[in-house]
Amino acid sequence: LRQQKIPIDPEQVLITSGSQQALDLISKLFLDPGDEIIVERPSYLGAIQCFSQYSPVIKEVDLNEEGPDGDQLKELIKTHRPKFFYTIPNYQNPTGRKHSMASRGNCFYYSGV
């Protein structure tokens, strides 16, 4: 992170034993019953199962050749103001695709980051 010039203290980094543990910790921290989240369709089943334990309302955004459908994602974010958007931009599970740089930029732009 230091090489990428990302200002972060060691106390802000949490190393997990794997992605499932990380997904569970994120869910515990961020989700309350009824919260809305967005996931890609299709998406990693393990993540959806993990999120579902905390009773969110899961909205889906379709994937196209570039990544998440930009118009659909923009509308979902505008309409539902989700707690978070779960995306897998590199070697997406289950498709194995990589999102284009334009699609990645749209995700940041639409989310207000």
PDB file of N, CA and C in Angstrom:
ATOM      1  N   LEU A   1       0.825  -1.193   0.000  1.00  0.00           N
ATOM      2  CA  LEU A   1       0.000   0.000   0.000  1.00  0.00           C
ATOM      3  C   LEU A   1       0.867   1.254   0.000  1.00  0.00           C
ATOM      4  N   ARG A   2       1.965   1.175   0.723  1.00  0.00           N
ATOM      5  CA  ARG A   2       2.867   2.320   0.765  1.00  0.00           C
ATOM      6  C   ARG A   2       3.416   2.623  -0.629  1.00  0.00           C
ATOM      7  N   GLN A   3       3.740   1.569  -1.393  1.00  0.00           N
ATOM      8  CA  GLN A   3       4.256   1.758  -2.752  1.00  0.00           C
ATOM      9  C   GLN A   3       3.223   2.418  -3.657  1.00  0.00           C
ATOM     10  N   GLN A   4       1.957   2.178  -3.381  1.00  0.00           N
ATOM     11  CA  GLN A   4       0.874   2.778  -4.156  1.00  0.00           C
ATOM     12  C   GLN A   4       0.503   4.161  -3.633  1.00  0.00           C
ATOM     13  N   LYS A   5       1.237   4.613  -2.611  1.00  0.00           N
ATOM     14  CA  LYS A   5       1.008   5.927  -1.994  1.00  0.00           C
ATOM     15  C   LYS A   5      -0.395   6.042  -1.377  1.00  0.00           C
ATOM     16  N   ILE A   6      -0.839   4.931  -0.787  1.00  0.00           N
ATOM     17  CA  ILE A   6      -2.120   4.908  -0.086  1.00  0.00           C
ATOM     18  C   ILE A   6      -1.824   5.125   1.396  1.00  0.00           C
ATOM     19  N   PRO A   7      -2.271   6.259   1.958  1.00  0.00           N
ATOM     20  CA  PRO A   7      -1.958   6.552   3.358  1.00  0.00           C
ATOM     21  C   PRO A   7      -2.790   5.672   4.297  1.00  0.00           C
ATOM     22  N   ILE A   8      -2.125   4.726   4.930  1.00  0.00           N
ATOM     23  CA  ILE A   8      -2.827   3.814   5.833  1.00  0.00           C
ATOM     24  C   ILE A   8      -1.874   3.389   6.948  1.00  0.00           C
ATOM     25  N   ASP A   9      -2.420   3.251   8.137  1.00  0.00           N
ATOM     26  CA  ASP A   9      -1.641   2.797   9.278  1.00  0.00           C
ATOM     27  C   ASP A   9      -1.772   1.283   9.407  1.00  0.00           C
ATOM     28  N   PRO A  10      -0.758   0.615   9.939  1.00  0.00           N
ATOM     29  CA  PRO A  10      -0.834  -0.837  10.117  1.00  0.00           C
ATOM     30  C   PRO A  10      -2.057  -1.286  10.920  1.00  0.00           C
ATOM     31  N   GLU A  11      -2.518  -0.442  11.858  1.00  0.00           N
ATOM     32  CA  GLU A  11      -3.692  -0.804  12.664  1.00  0.00           C
ATOM     33  C   GLU A  11      -4.967  -0.871  11.821  1.00  0.00           C
ATOM     34  N   GLN A  12      -4.927  -0.299  10.626  1.00  0.00           N
ATOM     35  CA  GLN A  12      -6.097  -0.282   9.753  1.00  0.00           C
ATOM     36  C   GLN A  12      -6.147  -1.489   8.814  1.00  0.00           C
ATOM     37  N   VAL A  13      -5.163  -2.357   8.890  1.00  0.00           N
ATOM     38  CA  VAL A  13      -5.090  -3.524   8.013  1.00  0.00           C
ATOM     39  C   VAL A  13      -5.462  -4.765   8.807  1.00  0.00           C
ATOM     40  N   LEU A  14      -6.337  -5.574   8.248  1.00  0.00           N
ATOM     41  CA  LEU A  14      -6.734  -6.829   8.877  1.00  0.00           C
ATOM     42  C   LEU A  14      -6.485  -7.958   7.887  1.00  0.00           C
ATOM     43  N   ILE A  15      -5.654  -8.883   8.271  1.00  0.00           N
ATOM     44  CA  ILE A  15      -5.357 -10.033   7.422  1.00  0.00           C
ATOM     45  C   ILE A  15      -6.276 -11.167   7.845  1.00  0.00           C
ATOM     46  N   THR A  16      -6.957 -11.759   6.864  1.00  0.00           N
ATOM     47  CA  THR A  16      -7.875 -12.867   7.145  1.00  0.00           C
ATOM     48  C   THR A  16      -7.295 -14.166   6.604  1.00  0.00           C
ATOM     49  N   SER A  17      -7.895 -15.271   7.011  1.00  0.00           N
ATOM     50  CA  SER A  17      -7.419 -16.577   6.553  1.00  0.00           C
ATOM     51  C   SER A  17      -7.902 -16.902   5.143  1.00  0.00           C
ATOM     52  N   GLY A  18      -8.808 -16.109   4.613  1.00  0.00           N
ATOM     53  CA  GLY A  18      -9.300 -16.342   3.257  1.00  0.00           C
ATOM     54  C   GLY A  18     -10.461 -15.425   2.931  1.00  0.00           C
ATOM     55  N   SER A  19     -10.942 -15.532   1.706  1.00  0.00           N
ATOM     56  CA  SER A  19     -11.997 -14.619   1.254  1.00  0.00           C
ATOM     57  C   SER A  19     -13.306 -14.819   2.014  1.00  0.00           C
ATOM     58  N   GLN A  20     -13.639 -16.045   2.369  1.00  0.00           N
ATOM     59  CA  GLN A  20     -14.902 -16.279   3.086  1.00  0.00           C
ATOM     60  C   GLN A  20     -14.897 -15.600   4.447  1.00  0.00           C
ATOM     61  N   GLN A  21     -13.779 -15.669   5.142  1.00  0.00           N
ATOM     62  CA  GLN A  21     -13.693 -14.996   6.436  1.00  0.00           C
ATOM     63  C   GLN A  21     -13.823 -13.490   6.246  1.00  0.00           C
ATOM     64  N   ALA A  22     -13.180 -12.959   5.224  1.00  0.00           N
ATOM     65  CA  ALA A  22     -13.270 -11.522   4.955  1.00  0.00           C
ATOM     66  C   ALA A  22     -14.707 -11.120   4.629  1.00  0.00           C
ATOM     67  N   LEU A  23     -15.386 -11.909   3.798  1.00  0.00           N
ATOM     68  CA  LEU A  23     -16.779 -11.608   3.450  1.00  0.00           C
ATOM     69  C   LEU A  23     -17.675 -11.640   4.683  1.00  0.00           C
ATOM     70  N   ASP A  24     -17.444 -12.607   5.566  1.00  0.00           N
ATOM     71  CA  ASP A  24     -18.254 -12.691   6.783  1.00  0.00           C
ATOM     72  C   ASP A  24     -18.014 -11.482   7.685  1.00  0.00           C
ATOM     73  N   LEU A  25     -16.767 -11.078   7.836  1.00  0.00           N
ATOM     74  CA  LEU A  25     -16.466  -9.908   8.670  1.00  0.00           C
ATOM     75  C   LEU A  25     -17.074  -8.636   8.082  1.00  0.00           C
ATOM     76  N   ILE A  26     -16.995  -8.486   6.769  1.00  0.00           N
ATOM     77  CA  ILE A  26     -17.608  -7.329   6.107  1.00  0.00           C
ATOM     78  C   ILE A  26     -19.112  -7.328   6.346  1.00  0.00           C
ATOM     79  N   SER A  27     -19.729  -8.500   6.222  1.00  0.00           N
ATOM     80  CA  SER A  27     -21.179  -8.610   6.428  1.00  0.00           C
ATOM     81  C   SER A  27     -21.565  -8.243   7.854  1.00  0.00           C
ATOM     82  N   LYS A  28     -20.831  -8.773   8.829  1.00  0.00           N
ATOM     83  CA  LYS A  28     -21.116  -8.467  10.233  1.00  0.00           C
ATOM     84  C   LYS A  28     -20.984  -6.978  10.518  1.00  0.00           C
ATOM     85  N   LEU A  29     -19.994  -6.358   9.916  1.00  0.00           N
ATOM     86  CA  LEU A  29     -19.714  -4.951  10.171  1.00  0.00           C
ATOM     87  C   LEU A  29     -20.713  -4.020   9.495  1.00  0.00           C
ATOM     88  N   PHE A  30     -21.083  -4.330   8.249  1.00  0.00           N
ATOM     89  CA  PHE A  30     -21.854  -3.379   7.455  1.00  0.00           C
ATOM     90  C   PHE A  30     -23.339  -3.671   7.318  1.00  0.00           C
ATOM     91  N   LEU A  31     -23.766  -4.923   7.485  1.00  0.00           N
ATOM     92  CA  LEU A  31     -25.151  -5.260   7.155  1.00  0.00           C
ATOM     93  C   LEU A  31     -26.068  -5.368   8.362  1.00  0.00           C
ATOM     94  N   ASP A  32     -27.227  -4.748   8.221  1.00  0.00           N
ATOM     95  CA  ASP A  32     -28.340  -4.918   9.148  1.00  0.00           C
ATOM     96  C   ASP A  32     -29.501  -5.484   8.336  1.00  0.00           C
ATOM     97  N   PRO A  33     -30.421  -6.223   8.978  1.00  0.00           N
ATOM     98  CA  PRO A  33     -31.561  -6.753   8.234  1.00  0.00           C
ATOM     99  C   PRO A  33     -32.288  -5.646   7.468  1.00  0.00           C
ATOM    100  N   GLY A  34     -32.586  -5.928   6.203  1.00  0.00           N
ATOM    101  CA  GLY A  34     -33.301  -4.970   5.364  1.00  0.00           C
ATOM    102  C   GLY A  34     -32.416  -4.020   4.583  1.00  0.00           C
ATOM    103  N   ASP A  35     -31.118  -3.954   4.907  1.00  0.00           N
ATOM    104  CA  ASP A  35     -30.207  -3.121   4.121  1.00  0.00           C
ATOM    105  C   ASP A  35     -30.188  -3.615   2.678  1.00  0.00           C
ATOM    106  N   GLU A  36     -30.038  -2.687   1.762  1.00  0.00           N
ATOM    107  CA  GLU A  36     -29.969  -3.062   0.355  1.00  0.00           C
ATOM    108  C   GLU A  36     -28.516  -3.091  -0.101  1.00  0.00           C
ATOM    109  N   ILE A  37     -28.182  -4.139  -0.863  1.00  0.00           N
ATOM    110  CA  ILE A  37     -26.858  -4.264  -1.457  1.00  0.00           C
ATOM    111  C   ILE A  37     -27.036  -4.642  -2.925  1.00  0.00           C
ATOM    112  N   ILE A  38     -25.987  -4.430  -3.702  1.00  0.00           N
ATOM    113  CA  ILE A  38     -26.000  -4.813  -5.112  1.00  0.00           C
ATOM    114  C   ILE A  38     -24.902  -5.840  -5.337  1.00  0.00           C
ATOM    115  N   VAL A  39     -25.245  -6.889  -6.078  1.00  0.00           N
ATOM    116  CA  VAL A  39     -24.267  -7.888  -6.504  1.00  0.00           C
ATOM    117  C   VAL A  39     -24.392  -8.068  -8.015  1.00  0.00           C
ATOM    118  N   GLU A  40     -23.334  -8.563  -8.616  1.00  0.00           N
ATOM    119  CA  GLU A  40     -23.371  -8.861 -10.042  1.00  0.00           C
ATOM    120  C   GLU A  40     -24.219 -10.109 -10.290  1.00  0.00           C
ATOM    121  N   ARG A  41     -24.814 -10.174 -11.492  1.00  0.00           N
ATOM    122  CA  ARG A  41     -25.550 -11.383 -11.891  1.00  0.00           C
ATOM    123  C   ARG A  41     -24.916 -11.912 -13.154  1.00  0.00           C
ATOM    124  N   PRO A  42     -24.247 -13.079 -13.092  1.00  0.00           N
ATOM    125  CA  PRO A  42     -24.052 -13.970 -11.952  1.00  0.00           C
ATOM    126  C   PRO A  42     -22.933 -13.468 -11.034  1.00  0.00           C
ATOM    127  N   SER A  43     -22.910 -14.018  -9.822  1.00  0.00           N
ATOM    128  CA  SER A  43     -21.876 -13.646  -8.862  1.00  0.00           C
ATOM    129  C   SER A  43     -21.434 -14.878  -8.079  1.00  0.00           C
ATOM    130  N   TYR A  44     -20.423 -14.682  -7.263  1.00  0.00           N
ATOM    131  CA  TYR A  44     -19.861 -15.747  -6.444  1.00  0.00           C
ATOM    132  C   TYR A  44     -20.900 -16.214  -5.423  1.00  0.00           C
ATOM    133  N   LEU A  45     -21.310 -17.468  -5.549  1.00  0.00           N
ATOM    134  CA  LEU A  45     -22.363 -18.015  -4.693  1.00  0.00           C
ATOM    135  C   LEU A  45     -21.984 -17.951  -3.210  1.00  0.00           C
ATOM    136  N   GLY A  46     -20.722 -18.181  -2.901  1.00  0.00           N
ATOM    137  CA  GLY A  46     -20.283 -18.120  -1.503  1.00  0.00           C
ATOM    138  C   GLY A  46     -20.510 -16.753  -0.879  1.00  0.00           C
ATOM    139  N   ALA A  47     -20.329 -15.699  -1.664  1.00  0.00           N
ATOM    140  CA  ALA A  47     -20.564 -14.341  -1.159  1.00  0.00           C
ATOM    141  C   ALA A  47     -22.049 -14.112  -0.915  1.00  0.00           C
ATOM    142  N   ILE A  48     -22.872 -14.520  -1.865  1.00  0.00           N
ATOM    143  CA  ILE A  48     -24.321 -14.335  -1.723  1.00  0.00           C
ATOM    144  C   ILE A  48     -24.836 -15.091  -0.504  1.00  0.00           C
ATOM    145  N   GLN A  49     -24.357 -16.311  -0.308  1.00  0.00           N
ATOM    146  CA  GLN A  49     -24.769 -17.087   0.863  1.00  0.00           C
ATOM    147  C   GLN A  49     -24.319 -16.407   2.152  1.00  0.00           C
ATOM    148  N   CYS A  50     -23.118 -15.874   2.154  1.00  0.00           N
ATOM    149  CA  CYS A  50     -22.601 -15.177   3.335  1.00  0.00           C
ATOM    150  C   CYS A  50     -23.438 -13.941   3.643  1.00  0.00           C
ATOM    151  N   PHE A  51     -23.683 -13.107   2.629  1.00  0.00           N
ATOM    152  CA  PHE A  51     -24.486 -11.902   2.824  1.00  0.00           C
ATOM    153  C   PHE A  51     -25.887 -12.254   3.314  1.00  0.00           C
ATOM    154  N   SER A  52     -26.463 -13.308   2.762  1.00  0.00           N
ATOM    155  CA  SER A  52     -27.851 -13.685   3.070  1.00  0.00           C
ATOM    156  C   SER A  52     -28.067 -13.995   4.544  1.00  0.00           C
ATOM    157  N   GLN A  53     -27.026 -14.415   5.246  1.00  0.00           N
ATOM    158  CA  GLN A  53     -27.150 -14.699   6.679  1.00  0.00           C
ATOM    159  C   GLN A  53     -27.564 -13.468   7.480  1.00  0.00           C
ATOM    160  N   TYR A  54     -27.332 -12.279   6.915  1.00  0.00           N
ATOM    161  CA  TYR A  54     -27.607 -11.031   7.620  1.00  0.00           C
ATOM    162  C   TYR A  54     -28.860 -10.336   7.096  1.00  0.00           C
ATOM    163  N   SER A  55     -29.642 -11.044   6.282  1.00  0.00           N
ATOM    164  CA  SER A  55     -30.969 -10.622   5.796  1.00  0.00           C
ATOM    165  C   SER A  55     -31.002  -9.287   5.055  1.00  0.00           C
ATOM    166  N   PRO A  56     -30.065  -9.052   4.136  1.00  0.00           N
ATOM    167  CA  PRO A  56     -30.184  -7.837   3.328  1.00  0.00           C
ATOM    168  C   PRO A  56     -31.176  -8.050   2.190  1.00  0.00           C
ATOM    169  N   VAL A  57     -31.554  -6.973   1.533  1.00  0.00           N
ATOM    170  CA  VAL A  57     -32.315  -7.040   0.288  1.00  0.00           C
ATOM    171  C   VAL A  57     -31.261  -6.985  -0.816  1.00  0.00           C
ATOM    172  N   ILE A  58     -31.146  -8.059  -1.574  1.00  0.00           N
ATOM    173  CA  ILE A  58     -30.097  -8.159  -2.587  1.00  0.00           C
ATOM    174  C   ILE A  58     -30.657  -7.778  -3.950  1.00  0.00           C
ATOM    175  N   LYS A  59     -30.070  -6.744  -4.543  1.00  0.00           N
ATOM    176  CA  LYS A  59     -30.403  -6.312  -5.903  1.00  0.00           C
ATOM    177  C   LYS A  59     -29.287  -6.797  -6.818  1.00  0.00           C
ATOM    178  N   GLU A  60     -29.637  -7.136  -8.061  1.00  0.00           N
ATOM    179  CA  GLU A  60     -28.647  -7.661  -8.990  1.00  0.00           C
ATOM    180  C   GLU A  60     -28.476  -6.747 -10.196  1.00  0.00           C
ATOM    181  N   VAL A  61     -27.236  -6.627 -10.648  1.00  0.00           N
ATOM    182  CA  VAL A  61     -26.924  -5.894 -11.871  1.00  0.00           C
ATOM    183  C   VAL A  61     -26.368  -6.915 -12.866  1.00  0.00           C
ATOM    184  N   ASP A  62     -26.897  -6.894 -14.079  1.00  0.00           N
ATOM    185  CA  ASP A  62     -26.445  -7.822 -15.114  1.00  0.00           C
ATOM    186  C   ASP A  62     -25.028  -7.490 -15.556  1.00  0.00           C
ATOM    187  N   LEU A  63     -24.301  -8.524 -15.955  1.00  0.00           N
ATOM    188  CA  LEU A  63     -22.976  -8.348 -16.531  1.00  0.00           C
ATOM    189  C   LEU A  63     -23.074  -8.413 -18.046  1.00  0.00           C
ATOM    190  N   ASN A  64     -22.284  -7.582 -18.720  1.00  0.00           N
ATOM    191  CA  ASN A  64     -22.143  -7.698 -20.170  1.00  0.00           C
ATOM    192  C   ASN A  64     -20.664  -7.957 -20.463  1.00  0.00           C
ATOM    193  N   GLU A  65     -20.251  -7.842 -21.700  1.00  0.00           N
ATOM    194  CA  GLU A  65     -18.862  -8.139 -22.072  1.00  0.00           C
ATOM    195  C   GLU A  65     -17.851  -7.217 -21.384  1.00  0.00           C
ATOM    196  N   GLU A  66     -18.272  -6.027 -20.999  1.00  0.00           N
ATOM    197  CA  GLU A  66     -17.375  -5.041 -20.389  1.00  0.00           C
ATOM    198  C   GLU A  66     -17.331  -5.126 -18.865  1.00  0.00           C
ATOM    199  N   GLY A  67     -18.416  -5.632 -18.268  1.00  0.00           N
ATOM    200  CA  GLY A  67     -18.545  -5.658 -16.810  1.00  0.00           C
ATOM    201  C   GLY A  67     -19.994  -5.397 -16.446  1.00  0.00           C
ATOM    202  N   PRO A  68     -20.264  -4.811 -15.274  1.00  0.00           N
ATOM    203  CA  PRO A  68     -21.643  -4.507 -14.887  1.00  0.00           C
ATOM    204  C   PRO A  68     -22.301  -3.551 -15.886  1.00  0.00           C
ATOM    205  N   ASP A  69     -23.566  -3.805 -16.193  1.00  0.00           N
ATOM    206  CA  ASP A  69     -24.319  -2.928 -17.094  1.00  0.00           C
ATOM    207  C   ASP A  69     -24.385  -1.538 -16.466  1.00  0.00           C
ATOM    208  N   GLY A  70     -23.756  -0.567 -17.115  1.00  0.00           N
ATOM    209  CA  GLY A  70     -23.620   0.773 -16.543  1.00  0.00           C
ATOM    210  C   GLY A  70     -24.934   1.467 -16.262  1.00  0.00           C
ATOM    211  N   ASP A  71     -25.862   1.427 -17.225  1.00  0.00           N
ATOM    212  CA  ASP A  71     -27.153   2.097 -17.034  1.00  0.00           C
ATOM    213  C   ASP A  71     -27.937   1.465 -15.893  1.00  0.00           C
ATOM    214  N   GLN A  72     -27.916   0.140 -15.844  1.00  0.00           N
ATOM    215  CA  GLN A  72     -28.637  -0.570 -14.787  1.00  0.00           C
ATOM    216  C   GLN A  72     -28.013  -0.277 -13.420  1.00  0.00           C
ATOM    217  N   LEU A  73     -26.688  -0.291 -13.352  1.00  0.00           N
ATOM    218  CA  LEU A  73     -26.005  -0.009 -12.090  1.00  0.00           C
ATOM    219  C   LEU A  73     -26.308   1.406 -11.612  1.00  0.00           C
ATOM    220  N   LYS A  74     -26.229   2.358 -12.524  1.00  0.00           N
ATOM    221  CA  LYS A  74     -26.518   3.755 -12.177  1.00  0.00           C
ATOM    222  C   LYS A  74     -27.920   3.886 -11.597  1.00  0.00           C
ATOM    223  N   GLU A  75     -28.897   3.242 -12.223  1.00  0.00           N
ATOM    224  CA  GLU A  75     -30.286   3.318 -11.756  1.00  0.00           C
ATOM    225  C   GLU A  75     -30.455   2.633 -10.399  1.00  0.00           C
ATOM    226  N   LEU A  76     -29.823   1.470 -10.215  1.00  0.00           N
ATOM    227  CA  LEU A  76     -29.918   0.766  -8.931  1.00  0.00           C
ATOM    228  C   LEU A  76     -29.325   1.604  -7.799  1.00  0.00           C
ATOM    229  N   ILE A  77     -28.186   2.223  -8.044  1.00  0.00           N
ATOM    230  CA  ILE A  77     -27.555   3.055  -7.010  1.00  0.00           C
ATOM    231  C   ILE A  77     -28.418   4.272  -6.704  1.00  0.00           C
ATOM    232  N   LYS A  78     -28.932   4.901  -7.748  1.00  0.00           N
ATOM    233  CA  LYS A  78     -29.770   6.097  -7.570  1.00  0.00           C
ATOM    234  C   LYS A  78     -31.061   5.767  -6.824  1.00  0.00           C
ATOM    235  N   THR A  79     -31.684   4.663  -7.185  1.00  0.00           N
ATOM    236  CA  THR A  79     -32.987   4.290  -6.632  1.00  0.00           C
ATOM    237  C   THR A  79     -32.892   3.675  -5.238  1.00  0.00           C
ATOM    238  N   HIS A  80     -31.864   2.872  -4.991  1.00  0.00           N
ATOM    239  CA  HIS A  80     -31.823   2.082  -3.756  1.00  0.00           C
ATOM    240  C   HIS A  80     -30.775   2.529  -2.745  1.00  0.00           C
ATOM    241  N   ARG A  81     -29.825   3.364  -3.142  1.00  0.00           N
ATOM    242  CA  ARG A  81     -28.766   3.814  -2.226  1.00  0.00           C
ATOM    243  C   ARG A  81     -28.229   2.640  -1.387  1.00  0.00           C
ATOM    244  N   PRO A  82     -27.627   1.649  -2.043  1.00  0.00           N
ATOM    245  CA  PRO A  82     -27.193   0.435  -1.347  1.00  0.00           C
ATOM    246  C   PRO A  82     -26.076   0.681  -0.337  1.00  0.00           C
ATOM    247  N   LYS A  83     -25.997  -0.217   0.645  1.00  0.00           N
ATOM    248  CA  LYS A  83     -24.906  -0.177   1.624  1.00  0.00           C
ATOM    249  C   LYS A  83     -23.575  -0.406   0.916  1.00  0.00           C
ATOM    250  N   PHE A  84     -23.559  -1.360  -0.033  1.00  0.00           N
ATOM    251  CA  PHE A  84     -22.363  -1.581  -0.835  1.00  0.00           C
ATOM    252  C   PHE A  84     -22.707  -2.323  -2.112  1.00  0.00           C
ATOM    253  N   PHE A  85     -21.749  -2.304  -3.024  1.00  0.00           N
ATOM    254  CA  PHE A  85     -21.836  -3.019  -4.299  1.00  0.00           C
ATOM    255  C   PHE A  85     -20.718  -4.046  -4.301  1.00  0.00           C
ATOM    256  N   TYR A  86     -21.083  -5.322  -4.374  1.00  0.00           N
ATOM    257  CA  TYR A  86     -20.093  -6.397  -4.405  1.00  0.00           C
ATOM    258  C   TYR A  86     -19.775  -6.722  -5.855  1.00  0.00           C
ATOM    259  N   THR A  87     -18.534  -6.477  -6.249  1.00  0.00           N
ATOM    260  CA  THR A  87     -18.091  -6.726  -7.617  1.00  0.00           C
ATOM    261  C   THR A  87     -16.763  -7.470  -7.602  1.00  0.00           C
ATOM    262  N   ILE A  88     -16.544  -8.255  -8.624  1.00  0.00           N
ATOM    263  CA  ILE A  88     -15.290  -8.996  -8.774  1.00  0.00           C
ATOM    264  C   ILE A  88     -14.705  -8.600 -10.128  1.00  0.00           C
ATOM    265  N   PRO A  89     -13.900  -7.540 -10.186  1.00  0.00           N
ATOM    266  CA  PRO A  89     -13.445  -7.025 -11.476  1.00  0.00           C
ATOM    267  C   PRO A  89     -12.364  -7.858 -12.165  1.00  0.00           C
ATOM    268  N   ASN A  90     -11.625  -8.649 -11.412  1.00  0.00           N
ATOM    269  CA  ASN A  90     -10.574  -9.489 -12.000  1.00  0.00           C
ATOM    270  C   ASN A  90     -10.955 -10.955 -11.904  1.00  0.00           C
ATOM    271  N   TYR A  91     -11.029 -11.610 -13.055  1.00  0.00           N
ATOM    272  CA  TYR A  91     -11.364 -13.039 -13.118  1.00  0.00           C
ATOM    273  C   TYR A  91     -12.644 -13.322 -12.338  1.00  0.00           C
ATOM    274  N   GLN A  92     -13.681 -12.616 -12.726  1.00  0.00           N
ATOM    275  CA  GLN A  92     -14.987 -12.653 -12.071  1.00  0.00           C
ATOM    276  C   GLN A  92     -15.455 -14.094 -11.894  1.00  0.00           C
ATOM    277  N   ASN A  93     -15.970 -14.383 -10.727  1.00  0.00           N
ATOM    278  CA  ASN A  93     -16.490 -15.712 -10.422  1.00  0.00           C
ATOM    279  C   ASN A  93     -18.006 -15.655 -10.528  1.00  0.00           C
ATOM    280  N   PRO A  94     -18.645 -16.391 -11.409  1.00  0.00           N
ATOM    281  CA  PRO A  94     -18.188 -17.601 -12.083  1.00  0.00           C
ATOM    282  C   PRO A  94     -17.753 -17.437 -13.539  1.00  0.00           C
ATOM    283  N   THR A  95     -17.764 -16.238 -14.113  1.00  0.00           N
ATOM    284  CA  THR A  95     -17.516 -16.094 -15.551  1.00  0.00           C
ATOM    285  C   THR A  95     -16.043 -16.135 -15.938  1.00  0.00           C
ATOM    286  N   GLY A  96     -15.150 -15.739 -15.034  1.00  0.00           N
ATOM    287  CA  GLY A  96     -13.732 -15.683 -15.349  1.00  0.00           C
ATOM    288  C   GLY A  96     -13.317 -14.436 -16.114  1.00  0.00           C
ATOM    289  N   ARG A  97     -14.239 -13.542 -16.391  1.00  0.00           N
ATOM    290  CA  ARG A  97     -13.940 -12.328 -17.164  1.00  0.00           C
ATOM    291  C   ARG A  97     -13.259 -11.260 -16.313  1.00  0.00           C
ATOM    292  N   LYS A  98     -12.600 -10.335 -17.025  1.00  0.00           N
ATOM    293  CA  LYS A  98     -12.047  -9.136 -16.384  1.00  0.00           C
ATOM    294  C   LYS A  98     -12.869  -7.951 -16.859  1.00  0.00           C
ATOM    295  N   HIS A  99     -13.257  -7.077 -15.938  1.00  0.00           N
ATOM    296  CA  HIS A  99     -14.008  -5.876 -16.306  1.00  0.00           C
ATOM    297  C   HIS A  99     -13.077  -4.907 -17.034  1.00  0.00           C
ATOM    298  N   SER A 100     -13.611  -4.230 -18.037  1.00  0.00           N
ATOM    299  CA  SER A 100     -12.826  -3.233 -18.766  1.00  0.00           C
ATOM    300  C   SER A 100     -12.507  -2.054 -17.849  1.00  0.00           C
ATOM    301  N   MET A 101     -11.504  -1.292 -18.234  1.00  0.00           N
ATOM    302  CA  MET A 101     -11.154  -0.104 -17.449  1.00  0.00           C
ATOM    303  C   MET A 101     -12.299   0.907 -17.465  1.00  0.00           C
ATOM    304  N   ALA A 102     -12.989   1.018 -18.590  1.00  0.00           N
ATOM    305  CA  ALA A 102     -14.131   1.940 -18.665  1.00  0.00           C
ATOM    306  C   ALA A 102     -15.224   1.516 -17.698  1.00  0.00           C
ATOM    307  N   SER A 103     -15.498   0.220 -17.623  1.00  0.00           N
ATOM    308  CA  SER A 103     -16.521  -0.286 -16.709  1.00  0.00           C
ATOM    309  C   SER A 103     -16.122  -0.037 -15.258  1.00  0.00           C
ATOM    310  N   ARG A 104     -14.863  -0.242 -14.954  1.00  0.00           N
ATOM    311  CA  ARG A 104     -14.376   0.014 -13.593  1.00  0.00           C
ATOM    312  C   ARG A 104     -14.548   1.489 -13.237  1.00  0.00           C
ATOM    313  N   GLY A 105     -14.217   2.354 -14.183  1.00  0.00           N
ATOM    314  CA  GLY A 105     -14.380   3.790 -13.961  1.00  0.00           C
ATOM    315  C   GLY A 105     -15.825   4.163 -13.722  1.00  0.00           C
ATOM    316  N   ASN A 106     -16.734   3.548 -14.482  1.00  0.00           N
ATOM    317  CA  ASN A 106     -18.165   3.806 -14.290  1.00  0.00           C
ATOM    318  C   ASN A 106     -18.612   3.402 -12.892  1.00  0.00           C
ATOM    319  N   CYS A 107     -18.109   2.267 -12.405  1.00  0.00           N
ATOM    320  CA  CYS A 107     -18.480   1.815 -11.054  1.00  0.00           C
ATOM    321  C   CYS A 107     -18.094   2.861 -10.015  1.00  0.00           C
ATOM    322  N   PHE A 108     -16.894   3.414 -10.133  1.00  0.00           N
ATOM    323  CA  PHE A 108     -16.464   4.468  -9.209  1.00  0.00           C
ATOM    324  C   PHE A 108     -17.309   5.720  -9.379  1.00  0.00           C
ATOM    325  N   TYR A 109     -17.518   6.120 -10.612  1.00  0.00           N
ATOM    326  CA  TYR A 109     -18.263   7.348 -10.891  1.00  0.00           C
ATOM    327  C   TYR A 109     -19.687   7.263 -10.352  1.00  0.00           C
ATOM    328  N   TYR A 110     -20.383   6.167 -10.657  1.00  0.00           N
ATOM    329  CA  TYR A 110     -21.779   6.025 -10.238  1.00  0.00           C
ATOM    330  C   TYR A 110     -21.915   5.911  -8.728  1.00  0.00           C
ATOM    331  N   SER A 111     -20.901   5.343  -8.071  1.00  0.00           N
ATOM    332  CA  SER A 111     -20.998   5.180  -6.620  1.00  0.00           C
ATOM    333  C   SER A 111     -20.607   6.445  -5.865  1.00  0.00           C
ATOM    334  N   GLY A 112     -20.107   7.439  -6.591  1.00  0.00           N
ATOM    335  CA  GLY A 112     -19.745   8.694  -5.942  1.00  0.00           C
ATOM    336  C   GLY A 112     -18.385   8.674  -5.282  1.00  0.00           C
ATOM    337  N   VAL A 113     -17.568   7.673  -5.598  1.00  0.00           N
ATOM    338  CA  VAL A 113     -16.226   7.571  -5.004  1.00  0.00           C
ATOM    339  C   VAL A 113     -15.315   8.587  -5.643  1.00  0.00           C
TER     340      VAL A 113
END
